[in-house]
Amino acid sequence: MAAPLAYTPPPRTQPDDAHAELERLVQLLHERDVLRLANNALGAAPELTTLIAELLDRDGSRRLSYNLARLVALFGELDMARIERLIPALESGLAALEATAADEAAHPSGIAGALALLRDRELWQAIGGIVAFLKAFNRGLGE
């Protein structure tokens, strides 16, 4: 999981006015070379800004912005407890997939292998979960 940032803003000692805040912002942008980058990009290539504006004005770009906003909203609504359970399960599933792909003799092949898989309770639980997911997904598409 991501760790929280270690930055703590300094406490306000006195009320700041907008000009002082703006001055501080401009100074930070200058120190991080953001202003230089913006000035170089805008000053050196006016064609670049025109191209970017044209690209952003397309229908596909508008749909992309809308879809990204929807995706961010969706991630904001997800329950963290579910995510914290899902990520380790995904990691262990991928590890098992890699291990199985690397080991060709993991399961016997042929009829004996198929019969052994039919008796595997964990496999049937996984298949049941996949089927339940697909059914719910299909219902969601129908709404």
N, C-alpha and C. Protein backbone atom coordinates (compact mmCIF):
# COMPACT_ATOMS: atom_id res chain seq x y z
N MET A 1 0.85 -1.18 0.00
CA MET A 1 0.00 0.00 0.00
C MET A 1 0.89 1.24 0.00
N ALA A 2 0.34 2.31 -0.46
CA ALA A 2 1.07 3.56 -0.50
C ALA A 2 1.23 4.13 0.90
N ALA A 3 2.39 4.72 1.14
CA ALA A 3 2.65 5.33 2.43
C ALA A 3 2.26 6.80 2.38
N PRO A 4 1.75 7.35 3.47
CA PRO A 4 1.38 8.77 3.47
C PRO A 4 2.63 9.64 3.35
N LEU A 5 2.45 10.82 2.77
CA LEU A 5 3.56 11.75 2.63
C LEU A 5 3.99 12.24 4.00
N ALA A 6 5.28 12.53 4.14
CA ALA A 6 5.82 12.98 5.41
C ALA A 6 5.75 14.49 5.56
N TYR A 7 5.15 15.20 4.61
CA TYR A 7 5.10 16.66 4.65
C TYR A 7 4.00 17.14 5.58
N THR A 8 4.34 18.04 6.47
CA THR A 8 3.37 18.69 7.34
C THR A 8 3.48 20.18 7.11
N PRO A 9 2.40 20.83 6.68
CA PRO A 9 2.49 22.26 6.43
C PRO A 9 2.77 23.01 7.72
N PRO A 10 3.57 24.08 7.62
CA PRO A 10 3.86 24.85 8.83
C PRO A 10 2.59 25.53 9.35
N PRO A 11 2.48 25.68 10.67
CA PRO A 11 1.29 26.34 11.22
C PRO A 11 1.25 27.81 10.83
N ARG A 12 0.06 28.34 10.72
CA ARG A 12 -0.09 29.76 10.39
C ARG A 12 0.23 30.59 11.62
N THR A 13 1.12 31.53 11.44
CA THR A 13 1.46 32.42 12.56
C THR A 13 0.61 33.68 12.51
N GLN A 14 0.32 34.11 11.30
CA GLN A 14 -0.54 35.28 11.12
C GLN A 14 -1.33 35.08 9.84
N PRO A 15 -2.45 35.75 9.72
CA PRO A 15 -3.23 35.58 8.49
C PRO A 15 -2.44 36.10 7.28
N ASP A 16 -2.35 35.26 6.26
CA ASP A 16 -1.64 35.66 5.05
C ASP A 16 -2.61 36.30 4.08
N ASP A 17 -2.12 37.25 3.35
CA ASP A 17 -2.96 37.80 2.31
C ASP A 17 -2.67 37.08 1.00
N ALA A 18 -3.49 37.27 0.01
CA ALA A 18 -3.40 36.54 -1.25
C ALA A 18 -2.08 36.83 -1.96
N HIS A 19 -1.59 38.05 -1.86
CA HIS A 19 -0.33 38.39 -2.54
C HIS A 19 0.85 37.62 -1.96
N ALA A 20 0.88 37.46 -0.65
CA ALA A 20 1.96 36.71 -0.02
C ALA A 20 1.89 35.24 -0.42
N GLU A 21 0.68 34.68 -0.45
CA GLU A 21 0.51 33.29 -0.88
C GLU A 21 0.95 33.11 -2.33
N LEU A 22 0.55 34.04 -3.19
CA LEU A 22 0.93 33.96 -4.60
C LEU A 22 2.43 34.07 -4.76
N GLU A 23 3.05 34.95 -4.01
CA GLU A 23 4.50 35.12 -4.06
C GLU A 23 5.21 33.82 -3.65
N ARG A 24 4.70 33.18 -2.61
CA ARG A 24 5.28 31.92 -2.15
C ARG A 24 5.10 30.82 -3.19
N LEU A 25 3.93 30.77 -3.83
CA LEU A 25 3.68 29.79 -4.88
C LEU A 25 4.61 29.99 -6.07
N VAL A 26 4.76 31.21 -6.51
CA VAL A 26 5.64 31.50 -7.64
C VAL A 26 7.08 31.14 -7.28
N GLN A 27 7.50 31.41 -6.07
CA GLN A 27 8.86 31.07 -5.64
C GLN A 27 9.08 29.56 -5.65
N LEU A 28 8.10 28.80 -5.15
CA LEU A 28 8.22 27.33 -5.17
C LEU A 28 8.24 26.80 -6.60
N LEU A 29 7.41 27.34 -7.47
CA LEU A 29 7.43 26.91 -8.88
C LEU A 29 8.77 27.22 -9.52
N HIS A 30 9.35 28.36 -9.16
CA HIS A 30 10.66 28.73 -9.69
C HIS A 30 11.75 27.78 -9.16
N GLU A 31 11.73 27.49 -7.88
CA GLU A 31 12.74 26.62 -7.29
C GLU A 31 12.69 25.21 -7.86
N ARG A 32 11.53 24.74 -8.24
CA ARG A 32 11.38 23.38 -8.79
C ARG A 32 11.51 23.36 -10.32
N ASP A 33 11.85 24.50 -10.91
CA ASP A 33 12.04 24.65 -12.36
C ASP A 33 10.77 24.42 -13.17
N VAL A 34 9.62 24.49 -12.51
CA VAL A 34 8.36 24.34 -13.24
C VAL A 34 8.12 25.56 -14.12
N LEU A 35 8.44 26.75 -13.62
CA LEU A 35 8.25 27.96 -14.42
C LEU A 35 9.16 27.96 -15.64
N ARG A 36 10.40 27.53 -15.48
CA ARG A 36 11.32 27.48 -16.61
C ARG A 36 10.81 26.51 -17.67
N LEU A 37 10.35 25.36 -17.23
CA LEU A 37 9.81 24.37 -18.17
C LEU A 37 8.61 24.93 -18.91
N ALA A 38 7.68 25.57 -18.19
CA ALA A 38 6.49 26.13 -18.83
C ALA A 38 6.87 27.25 -19.79
N ASN A 39 7.78 28.12 -19.38
CA ASN A 39 8.21 29.20 -20.26
C ASN A 39 8.90 28.67 -21.51
N ASN A 40 9.75 27.68 -21.36
CA ASN A 40 10.43 27.10 -22.53
C ASN A 40 9.45 26.43 -23.47
N ALA A 41 8.50 25.70 -22.91
CA ALA A 41 7.52 25.01 -23.75
C ALA A 41 6.64 26.00 -24.50
N LEU A 42 6.20 27.05 -23.81
CA LEU A 42 5.32 28.03 -24.45
C LEU A 42 6.09 28.95 -25.39
N GLY A 43 7.29 29.35 -25.01
CA GLY A 43 8.03 30.30 -25.82
C GLY A 43 8.74 29.68 -27.00
N ALA A 44 9.26 28.49 -26.85
CA ALA A 44 10.07 27.87 -27.90
C ALA A 44 9.23 27.27 -29.01
N ALA A 45 8.03 26.85 -28.70
CA ALA A 45 7.26 26.15 -29.72
C ALA A 45 5.79 26.54 -29.64
N PRO A 46 5.41 27.66 -30.25
CA PRO A 46 3.99 27.99 -30.26
C PRO A 46 3.16 26.95 -31.02
N GLU A 47 3.82 26.26 -31.95
CA GLU A 47 3.11 25.21 -32.69
C GLU A 47 2.71 24.08 -31.74
N LEU A 48 3.56 23.84 -30.74
CA LEU A 48 3.28 22.78 -29.78
C LEU A 48 2.00 23.06 -29.01
N THR A 49 1.84 24.29 -28.55
CA THR A 49 0.63 24.63 -27.81
C THR A 49 -0.60 24.55 -28.71
N THR A 50 -0.45 24.94 -29.96
CA THR A 50 -1.57 24.83 -30.91
C THR A 50 -1.92 23.36 -31.12
N LEU A 51 -0.91 22.52 -31.28
CA LEU A 51 -1.14 21.09 -31.48
C LEU A 51 -1.82 20.48 -30.26
N ILE A 52 -1.36 20.82 -29.07
CA ILE A 52 -1.96 20.29 -27.84
C ILE A 52 -3.41 20.75 -27.73
N ALA A 53 -3.67 22.02 -28.04
CA ALA A 53 -5.04 22.52 -27.97
C ALA A 53 -5.93 21.79 -28.97
N GLU A 54 -5.42 21.54 -30.17
CA GLU A 54 -6.21 20.81 -31.17
C GLU A 54 -6.47 19.38 -30.74
N LEU A 55 -5.46 18.73 -30.15
CA LEU A 55 -5.65 17.36 -29.70
C LEU A 55 -6.66 17.28 -28.56
N LEU A 56 -6.63 18.26 -27.67
CA LEU A 56 -7.57 18.25 -26.55
C LEU A 56 -8.98 18.60 -26.97
N ASP A 57 -9.14 19.20 -28.15
CA ASP A 57 -10.45 19.61 -28.62
C ASP A 57 -11.18 18.50 -29.38
N ARG A 58 -10.58 17.36 -29.52
CA ARG A 58 -11.21 16.25 -30.24
C ARG A 58 -12.22 15.53 -29.35
N ASP A 59 -13.17 14.84 -30.00
CA ASP A 59 -14.17 14.06 -29.26
C ASP A 59 -13.53 12.97 -28.43
N GLY A 60 -12.52 12.31 -28.98
CA GLY A 60 -11.84 11.24 -28.24
C GLY A 60 -11.18 11.75 -26.97
N SER A 61 -10.61 12.96 -27.04
CA SER A 61 -9.97 13.53 -25.85
C SER A 61 -11.01 13.88 -24.79
N ARG A 62 -12.16 14.37 -25.24
CA ARG A 62 -13.23 14.66 -24.28
C ARG A 62 -13.73 13.38 -23.62
N ARG A 63 -13.89 12.33 -24.43
CA ARG A 63 -14.33 11.05 -23.86
C ARG A 63 -13.28 10.51 -22.90
N LEU A 64 -12.00 10.66 -23.25
CA LEU A 64 -10.93 10.21 -22.37
C LEU A 64 -11.00 10.94 -21.03
N SER A 65 -11.18 12.27 -21.05
CA SER A 65 -11.26 13.02 -19.80
C SER A 65 -12.47 12.57 -18.98
N TYR A 66 -13.60 12.36 -19.65
CA TYR A 66 -14.81 11.92 -18.95
C TYR A 66 -14.59 10.54 -18.34
N ASN A 67 -14.00 9.62 -19.12
CA ASN A 67 -13.76 8.26 -18.63
C ASN A 67 -12.78 8.26 -17.46
N LEU A 68 -11.74 9.08 -17.54
CA LEU A 68 -10.79 9.17 -16.43
C LEU A 68 -11.47 9.71 -15.17
N ALA A 69 -12.33 10.70 -15.35
CA ALA A 69 -13.05 11.24 -14.19
C ALA A 69 -13.96 10.18 -13.58
N ARG A 70 -14.64 9.41 -14.40
CA ARG A 70 -15.50 8.34 -13.90
C ARG A 70 -14.68 7.28 -13.17
N LEU A 71 -13.50 6.95 -13.74
CA LEU A 71 -12.64 5.95 -13.13
C LEU A 71 -12.13 6.43 -11.77
N VAL A 72 -11.74 7.69 -11.68
CA VAL A 72 -11.29 8.25 -10.40
C VAL A 72 -12.43 8.22 -9.39
N ALA A 73 -13.64 8.57 -9.83
CA ALA A 73 -14.80 8.52 -8.93
C ALA A 73 -15.06 7.09 -8.47
N LEU A 74 -14.93 6.12 -9.38
CA LEU A 74 -15.13 4.72 -9.01
C LEU A 74 -14.12 4.28 -7.97
N PHE A 75 -12.85 4.63 -8.18
CA PHE A 75 -11.83 4.24 -7.21
C PHE A 75 -12.07 4.91 -5.86
N GLY A 76 -12.65 6.11 -5.87
CA GLY A 76 -12.96 6.79 -4.62
C GLY A 76 -14.07 6.10 -3.85
N GLU A 77 -14.93 5.37 -4.54
CA GLU A 77 -16.05 4.70 -3.88
C GLU A 77 -15.71 3.29 -3.40
N LEU A 78 -14.59 2.74 -3.82
CA LEU A 78 -14.24 1.37 -3.45
C LEU A 78 -13.91 1.28 -1.96
N ASP A 79 -14.32 0.18 -1.37
CA ASP A 79 -14.07 -0.06 0.05
C ASP A 79 -12.62 -0.53 0.21
N MET A 80 -11.88 0.17 1.06
CA MET A 80 -10.46 -0.14 1.25
C MET A 80 -10.25 -1.54 1.82
N ALA A 81 -11.15 -2.03 2.64
CA ALA A 81 -11.01 -3.38 3.20
C ALA A 81 -11.06 -4.41 2.07
N ARG A 82 -11.94 -4.18 1.09
CA ARG A 82 -12.02 -5.11 -0.06
C ARG A 82 -10.75 -5.04 -0.89
N ILE A 83 -10.23 -3.84 -1.08
CA ILE A 83 -9.00 -3.67 -1.87
C ILE A 83 -7.83 -4.35 -1.16
N GLU A 84 -7.75 -4.18 0.16
CA GLU A 84 -6.65 -4.78 0.92
C GLU A 84 -6.71 -6.31 0.90
N ARG A 85 -7.90 -6.89 0.75
CA ARG A 85 -8.02 -8.34 0.59
C ARG A 85 -7.73 -8.76 -0.84
N LEU A 86 -8.11 -7.92 -1.79
CA LEU A 86 -7.97 -8.26 -3.20
C LEU A 86 -6.51 -8.26 -3.66
N ILE A 87 -5.73 -7.31 -3.23
CA ILE A 87 -4.35 -7.19 -3.71
C ILE A 87 -3.50 -8.40 -3.32
N PRO A 88 -3.48 -8.84 -2.05
CA PRO A 88 -2.69 -10.04 -1.74
C PRO A 88 -3.21 -11.28 -2.46
N ALA A 89 -4.54 -11.38 -2.64
CA ALA A 89 -5.09 -12.53 -3.37
C ALA A 89 -4.63 -12.51 -4.82
N LEU A 90 -4.61 -11.34 -5.41
CA LEU A 90 -4.13 -11.21 -6.79
C LEU A 90 -2.65 -11.56 -6.88
N GLU A 91 -1.86 -11.10 -5.91
CA GLU A 91 -0.43 -11.42 -5.92
C GLU A 91 -0.20 -12.92 -5.78
N SER A 92 -0.93 -13.59 -4.88
CA SER A 92 -0.73 -15.03 -4.71
C SER A 92 -1.23 -15.79 -5.94
N GLY A 93 -2.30 -15.32 -6.56
CA GLY A 93 -2.78 -15.95 -7.79
C GLY A 93 -1.78 -15.84 -8.92
N LEU A 94 -1.18 -14.66 -9.06
CA LEU A 94 -0.15 -14.48 -10.10
C LEU A 94 1.08 -15.32 -9.82
N ALA A 95 1.47 -15.42 -8.55
CA ALA A 95 2.61 -16.26 -8.19
C ALA A 95 2.33 -17.72 -8.51
N ALA A 96 1.13 -18.19 -8.21
CA ALA A 96 0.77 -19.58 -8.52
C ALA A 96 0.75 -19.81 -10.03
N LEU A 97 0.27 -18.82 -10.78
CA LEU A 97 0.25 -18.93 -12.23
C LEU A 97 1.67 -19.02 -12.79
N GLU A 98 2.56 -18.19 -12.26
CA GLU A 98 3.96 -18.24 -12.71
C GLU A 98 4.61 -19.58 -12.34
N ALA A 99 4.33 -20.06 -11.15
CA ALA A 99 4.93 -21.33 -10.72
C ALA A 99 4.42 -22.48 -11.58
N THR A 100 3.14 -22.48 -11.89
CA THR A 100 2.56 -23.54 -12.71
C THR A 100 3.10 -23.48 -14.14
N ALA A 101 3.28 -22.27 -14.65
CA ALA A 101 3.81 -22.13 -16.01
C ALA A 101 5.26 -22.60 -16.08
N ALA A 102 6.00 -22.41 -15.01
CA ALA A 102 7.41 -22.81 -15.01
C ALA A 102 7.56 -24.32 -14.80
N ASP A 103 6.60 -24.96 -14.12
CA ASP A 103 6.71 -26.38 -13.80
C ASP A 103 5.74 -27.17 -14.67
N GLU A 104 6.26 -27.76 -15.73
CA GLU A 104 5.41 -28.49 -16.67
C GLU A 104 4.90 -29.82 -16.08
N ALA A 105 5.57 -30.35 -15.07
CA ALA A 105 5.16 -31.63 -14.48
C ALA A 105 4.30 -31.42 -13.23
N ALA A 106 3.66 -30.26 -13.11
CA ALA A 106 2.88 -29.96 -11.90
C ALA A 106 1.68 -30.88 -11.77
N HIS A 107 1.02 -31.21 -12.88
CA HIS A 107 -0.15 -32.08 -12.85
C HIS A 107 0.01 -33.14 -13.92
N PRO A 108 -0.45 -34.33 -13.62
CA PRO A 108 -0.39 -35.37 -14.65
C PRO A 108 -1.32 -35.00 -15.81
N SER A 109 -0.93 -35.39 -16.99
CA SER A 109 -1.75 -35.08 -18.15
C SER A 109 -2.68 -36.24 -18.47
N GLY A 110 -3.57 -36.02 -19.38
CA GLY A 110 -4.47 -37.07 -19.84
C GLY A 110 -5.66 -37.25 -18.93
N ILE A 111 -6.28 -38.42 -19.03
CA ILE A 111 -7.50 -38.73 -18.28
C ILE A 111 -7.24 -38.71 -16.78
N ALA A 112 -6.09 -39.25 -16.35
CA ALA A 112 -5.78 -39.28 -14.92
C ALA A 112 -5.66 -37.87 -14.37
N GLY A 113 -5.05 -36.99 -15.12
CA GLY A 113 -4.93 -35.60 -14.68
C GLY A 113 -6.27 -34.90 -14.62
N ALA A 114 -7.13 -35.16 -15.62
CA ALA A 114 -8.46 -34.56 -15.63
C ALA A 114 -9.29 -35.06 -14.45
N LEU A 115 -9.20 -36.35 -14.14
CA LEU A 115 -9.94 -36.90 -13.01
C LEU A 115 -9.44 -36.32 -11.69
N ALA A 116 -8.13 -36.13 -11.58
CA ALA A 116 -7.58 -35.54 -10.36
C ALA A 116 -8.09 -34.11 -10.20
N LEU A 117 -8.19 -33.37 -11.29
CA LEU A 117 -8.70 -32.01 -11.21
C LEU A 117 -10.18 -31.98 -10.83
N LEU A 118 -10.95 -32.95 -11.29
CA LEU A 118 -12.37 -33.00 -10.95
C LEU A 118 -12.60 -33.20 -9.46
N ARG A 119 -11.64 -33.81 -8.77
CA ARG A 119 -11.77 -34.05 -7.33
C ARG A 119 -11.18 -32.91 -6.49
N ASP A 120 -10.63 -31.90 -7.15
CA ASP A 120 -9.96 -30.80 -6.43
C ASP A 120 -11.01 -29.78 -5.95
N ARG A 121 -11.27 -29.76 -4.65
CA ARG A 121 -12.31 -28.89 -4.07
C ARG A 121 -11.94 -27.41 -4.25
N GLU A 122 -10.68 -27.06 -4.07
CA GLU A 122 -10.25 -25.68 -4.21
C GLU A 122 -10.48 -25.17 -5.64
N LEU A 123 -10.25 -26.05 -6.61
CA LEU A 123 -10.50 -25.69 -8.01
C LEU A 123 -11.98 -25.38 -8.23
N TRP A 124 -12.88 -26.20 -7.68
CA TRP A 124 -14.30 -25.98 -7.86
C TRP A 124 -14.76 -24.71 -7.16
N GLN A 125 -14.16 -24.38 -6.02
CA GLN A 125 -14.48 -23.12 -5.36
C GLN A 125 -14.07 -21.94 -6.23
N ALA A 126 -12.89 -22.05 -6.85
CA ALA A 126 -12.42 -20.98 -7.73
C ALA A 126 -13.32 -20.84 -8.95
N ILE A 127 -13.70 -21.98 -9.55
CA ILE A 127 -14.58 -21.94 -10.71
C ILE A 127 -15.93 -21.36 -10.33
N GLY A 128 -16.44 -21.74 -9.15
CA GLY A 128 -17.70 -21.17 -8.68
C GLY A 128 -17.63 -19.67 -8.51
N GLY A 129 -16.51 -19.18 -8.00
CA GLY A 129 -16.32 -17.73 -7.86
C GLY A 129 -16.27 -17.02 -9.20
N ILE A 130 -15.58 -17.63 -10.17
CA ILE A 130 -15.50 -17.05 -11.51
C ILE A 130 -16.88 -17.02 -12.16
N VAL A 131 -17.63 -18.09 -12.03
CA VAL A 131 -18.99 -18.14 -12.60
C VAL A 131 -19.89 -17.10 -11.93
N ALA A 132 -19.80 -16.95 -10.61
CA ALA A 132 -20.61 -15.94 -9.91
C ALA A 132 -20.25 -14.54 -10.39
N PHE A 133 -18.95 -14.29 -10.59
CA PHE A 133 -18.51 -12.99 -11.11
C PHE A 133 -19.09 -12.74 -12.49
N LEU A 134 -19.00 -13.74 -13.37
CA LEU A 134 -19.50 -13.58 -14.73
C LEU A 134 -21.00 -13.35 -14.75
N LYS A 135 -21.75 -14.04 -13.89
CA LYS A 135 -23.19 -13.84 -13.82
C LYS A 135 -23.51 -12.41 -13.37
N ALA A 136 -22.84 -11.95 -12.32
CA ALA A 136 -23.09 -10.60 -11.82
C ALA A 136 -22.69 -9.56 -12.88
N PHE A 137 -21.60 -9.80 -13.56
CA PHE A 137 -21.14 -8.89 -14.61
C PHE A 137 -22.17 -8.83 -15.73
N ASN A 138 -22.71 -9.98 -16.11
CA ASN A 138 -23.72 -10.03 -17.16
C ASN A 138 -25.00 -9.30 -16.73
N ARG A 139 -25.40 -9.47 -15.46
CA ARG A 139 -26.56 -8.74 -14.97
C ARG A 139 -26.32 -7.24 -15.01
N GLY A 140 -25.10 -6.84 -14.65
CA GLY A 140 -24.75 -5.42 -14.68
C GLY A 140 -24.79 -4.85 -16.10
N LEU A 141 -24.40 -5.65 -17.07
CA LEU A 141 -24.46 -5.19 -18.45
C LEU A 141 -25.90 -5.05 -18.93
N GLY A 142 -26.79 -5.87 -18.37
CA GLY A 142 -28.20 -5.82 -18.77
C GLY A 142 -28.96 -4.65 -18.18
N GLU A 143 -28.43 -4.02 -17.13
CA GLU A 143 -29.14 -2.91 -16.48
C GLU A 143 -29.04 -1.64 -17.29
